[in-house]
Protein backbone atom coordinates (compact mmCIF):
# COMPACT_ATOMS: atom_id res chain seq x y z
CA MET A 1 11.35 -2.75 -11.54
CA LYS A 2 13.69 -1.39 -8.24
CA GLU A 3 14.82 -4.44 -6.76
CA GLN A 4 13.35 -4.21 -3.12
CA ILE A 5 9.98 -5.99 -1.93
CA THR A 6 8.52 -3.53 0.40
CA PRO A 7 5.78 -4.62 2.82
CA TYR A 8 2.67 -3.20 3.56
CA LEU A 9 1.25 -3.43 6.99
CA TYR A 10 -2.76 -2.52 7.68
CA PHE A 11 -4.65 -2.04 10.34
CA ASP A 12 -7.75 -1.81 11.73
CA GLY A 13 -7.57 2.07 12.80
CA ASN A 14 -4.42 2.06 14.70
CA ALA A 15 -1.70 2.28 12.53
CA ARG A 16 -0.88 5.31 14.10
CA GLU A 17 -0.03 3.23 17.38
CA ALA A 18 1.44 0.68 15.09
CA LEU A 19 3.58 2.81 13.09
CA ALA A 20 4.81 4.70 16.49
CA PHE A 21 5.71 1.69 17.84
CA TYR A 22 7.84 0.33 15.50
CA LYS A 23 9.38 3.56 15.09
CA ASP A 24 10.55 3.33 18.36
CA LEU A 25 11.72 -0.37 17.96
CA PHE A 26 13.58 -0.43 14.88
CA ASP A 27 14.70 3.84 15.90
CA GLY A 28 13.60 4.79 12.40
CA GLU A 29 12.07 7.74 10.55
CA ILE A 30 8.66 8.49 9.73
CA ILE A 31 9.07 9.54 6.12
CA GLY A 32 5.47 10.32 5.59
CA ILE A 33 1.99 10.27 7.05
CA GLN A 34 -1.68 10.99 4.35
CA THR A 35 -4.60 10.56 6.24
CA PHE A 36 -7.68 9.47 3.78
CA GLY A 37 -9.22 13.17 4.66
CA GLU A 38 -6.13 14.95 3.07
CA ALA A 39 -6.52 12.69 -0.19
CA ASP A 40 -8.63 13.86 -3.28
CA TYR A 41 -10.87 11.10 -2.75
CA PRO A 42 -14.16 10.98 -1.60
CA THR A 43 -14.39 9.84 2.31
CA PRO A 44 -17.10 9.47 4.77
CA PRO A 45 -16.12 12.15 7.90
CA GLU A 46 -15.30 9.00 10.01
CA ALA A 47 -12.19 8.19 7.86
CA ASN A 48 -10.67 12.30 7.81
CA ASP A 49 -7.99 10.85 10.08
CA LEU A 50 -7.21 7.38 9.32
CA VAL A 51 -3.80 6.89 7.91
CA MET A 52 -4.02 5.91 3.86
CA HIS A 53 -0.23 5.52 3.79
CA ALA A 54 2.90 6.33 5.49
CA GLN A 55 6.02 5.21 5.40
CA LEU A 56 9.10 4.11 8.09
CA LYS A 57 12.53 3.82 7.18
CA LYS A 58 15.94 2.53 9.01
CA GLY A 59 18.39 1.62 7.10
CA GLY A 60 17.43 -1.09 4.77
CA ILE A 61 14.16 -1.27 6.21
CA SER A 62 11.37 -0.35 5.08
CA LEU A 63 7.58 -0.49 5.72
CA MET A 64 4.22 0.91 4.58
CA PHE A 65 1.19 1.27 6.81
CA SER A 66 -2.67 1.89 6.15
CA ASP A 67 -5.52 2.14 8.21
CA SER A 68 -8.61 -0.07 6.36
CA PHE A 69 -10.76 2.01 4.46
CA PRO A 70 -14.09 2.45 6.03
CA GLY A 71 -17.03 -0.30 4.37
CA GLN A 72 -14.27 -2.51 2.86
CA GLY A 73 -14.38 -5.88 5.33
CA GLY A 74 -11.60 -4.78 8.11
CA VAL A 75 -8.64 -6.10 8.87
CA GLU A 76 -8.15 -10.08 9.49
CA VAL A 77 -4.89 -12.01 10.00
CA GLY A 78 -4.20 -12.37 6.50
CA ASN A 79 -5.51 -9.44 4.43
CA ASN A 80 -3.28 -7.75 6.91
CA ILE A 81 -0.24 -7.88 4.43
CA SER A 82 0.56 -6.91 1.06
CA LEU A 83 4.05 -6.79 -0.63
CA THR A 84 4.72 -3.59 -2.65
CA LEU A 85 6.59 -3.22 -5.91
CA GLU A 86 7.63 -0.13 -7.66
CA PHE A 87 8.41 0.40 -11.13
CA ASP A 88 10.49 2.46 -13.71
CA SER A 89 7.82 1.89 -16.48
CA ASP A 90 4.64 1.80 -18.21
CA ASP A 91 5.74 -1.30 -19.83
CA GLU A 92 7.22 -2.79 -16.86
CA ILE A 93 4.46 -2.33 -14.81
CA GLN A 94 1.56 -3.79 -17.47
CA LYS A 95 4.15 -6.63 -17.84
CA TYR A 96 4.39 -7.67 -14.08
CA PHE A 97 0.53 -6.74 -13.74
CA ASP A 98 -0.52 -9.18 -16.49
CA ALA A 99 1.54 -12.25 -15.33
CA LEU A 100 0.08 -11.75 -11.73
CA VAL A 101 -3.52 -11.34 -13.10
CA LYS A 102 -3.47 -14.42 -15.08
CA ASN A 103 -5.12 -17.08 -12.77
CA GLY A 104 -5.55 -14.51 -9.86
CA SER A 105 -7.70 -11.76 -9.82
CA ALA A 106 -7.39 -7.38 -9.91
CA GLN A 107 -8.76 -6.16 -6.94
CA MET A 108 -8.02 -3.16 -7.84
CA GLU A 109 -7.62 -2.49 -12.17
CA LEU A 110 -4.11 -1.05 -13.28
CA GLN A 111 -5.15 2.40 -13.42
CA ASP A 112 -3.50 6.28 -12.91
CA THR A 113 -4.01 7.54 -9.37
CA PHE A 114 -4.54 10.91 -7.70
CA TRP A 115 -1.22 10.57 -6.37
CA GLY A 116 0.37 10.66 -9.72
CA ALA A 117 1.20 7.32 -10.00
CA LYS A 118 -0.07 4.05 -11.95
CA TYR A 119 -1.17 1.50 -9.82
CA ALA A 120 -2.55 -1.72 -8.98
CA ARG A 121 -3.87 -4.34 -6.59
CA VAL A 122 -3.54 -7.97 -7.58
CA LYS A 123 -4.26 -11.36 -5.97
CA ASP A 124 -2.20 -14.06 -7.52
CA ALA A 125 -3.26 -17.49 -7.94
CA PHE A 126 -1.62 -18.56 -5.02
CA GLY A 127 -3.32 -16.36 -2.56
CA ILE A 128 -0.36 -13.40 -2.07
CA THR A 129 -1.93 -9.80 -2.63
CA TRP A 130 0.66 -7.51 -4.47
CA ASP A 131 0.69 -3.62 -4.93
CA LEU A 132 2.09 -2.54 -8.08
CA ASN A 133 3.11 1.11 -8.44
CA TYR A 134 4.72 3.14 -10.91
CA GLN A 135 5.65 6.60 -9.87
CA LYS A 136 5.19 8.99 -12.71
CA SER A 137 5.73 12.01 -11.18
C-alpha cells in the first residue's frame, strides 16, 4: 500500500467552485478534472457537467473532489468526506477490503472499473467510509 491516506471531498453540485477555492488557498495545482459526462458510464444529462473526479496537489497535500451523483441522496455533513487508500496489488486490496467490510458494509463491492482500477467503497464498523483503489493500468 502506498503510505498516504487521501481525503476525498464530496459536494452537492459545487465541486468546481470548491476546487478553485482550495487551489487558491493552497496555491496548488489541479491535476485533472473528469466530469460524469466524460465517463464511460450511463449518466443523466443533468450530471454531464458535474465533477466525477478531480485532484488538487500542493507539496505533500493531496485532495480529491467529486460532486454527488444525481439520485444518490445528496451531500450532508457526515457523508461529505471519505478516506482513500491506494494499493499495489490485487491481493493487498482484497485483504483490506475483507478486513474493513467485516462488521461493516460494502457501499460498492470490490470490482473492476471503467477507469482501469479495482475499486471498492466500504463503511467500516465505526462508520468511517473508505475508498479502496488499485490502479492496474
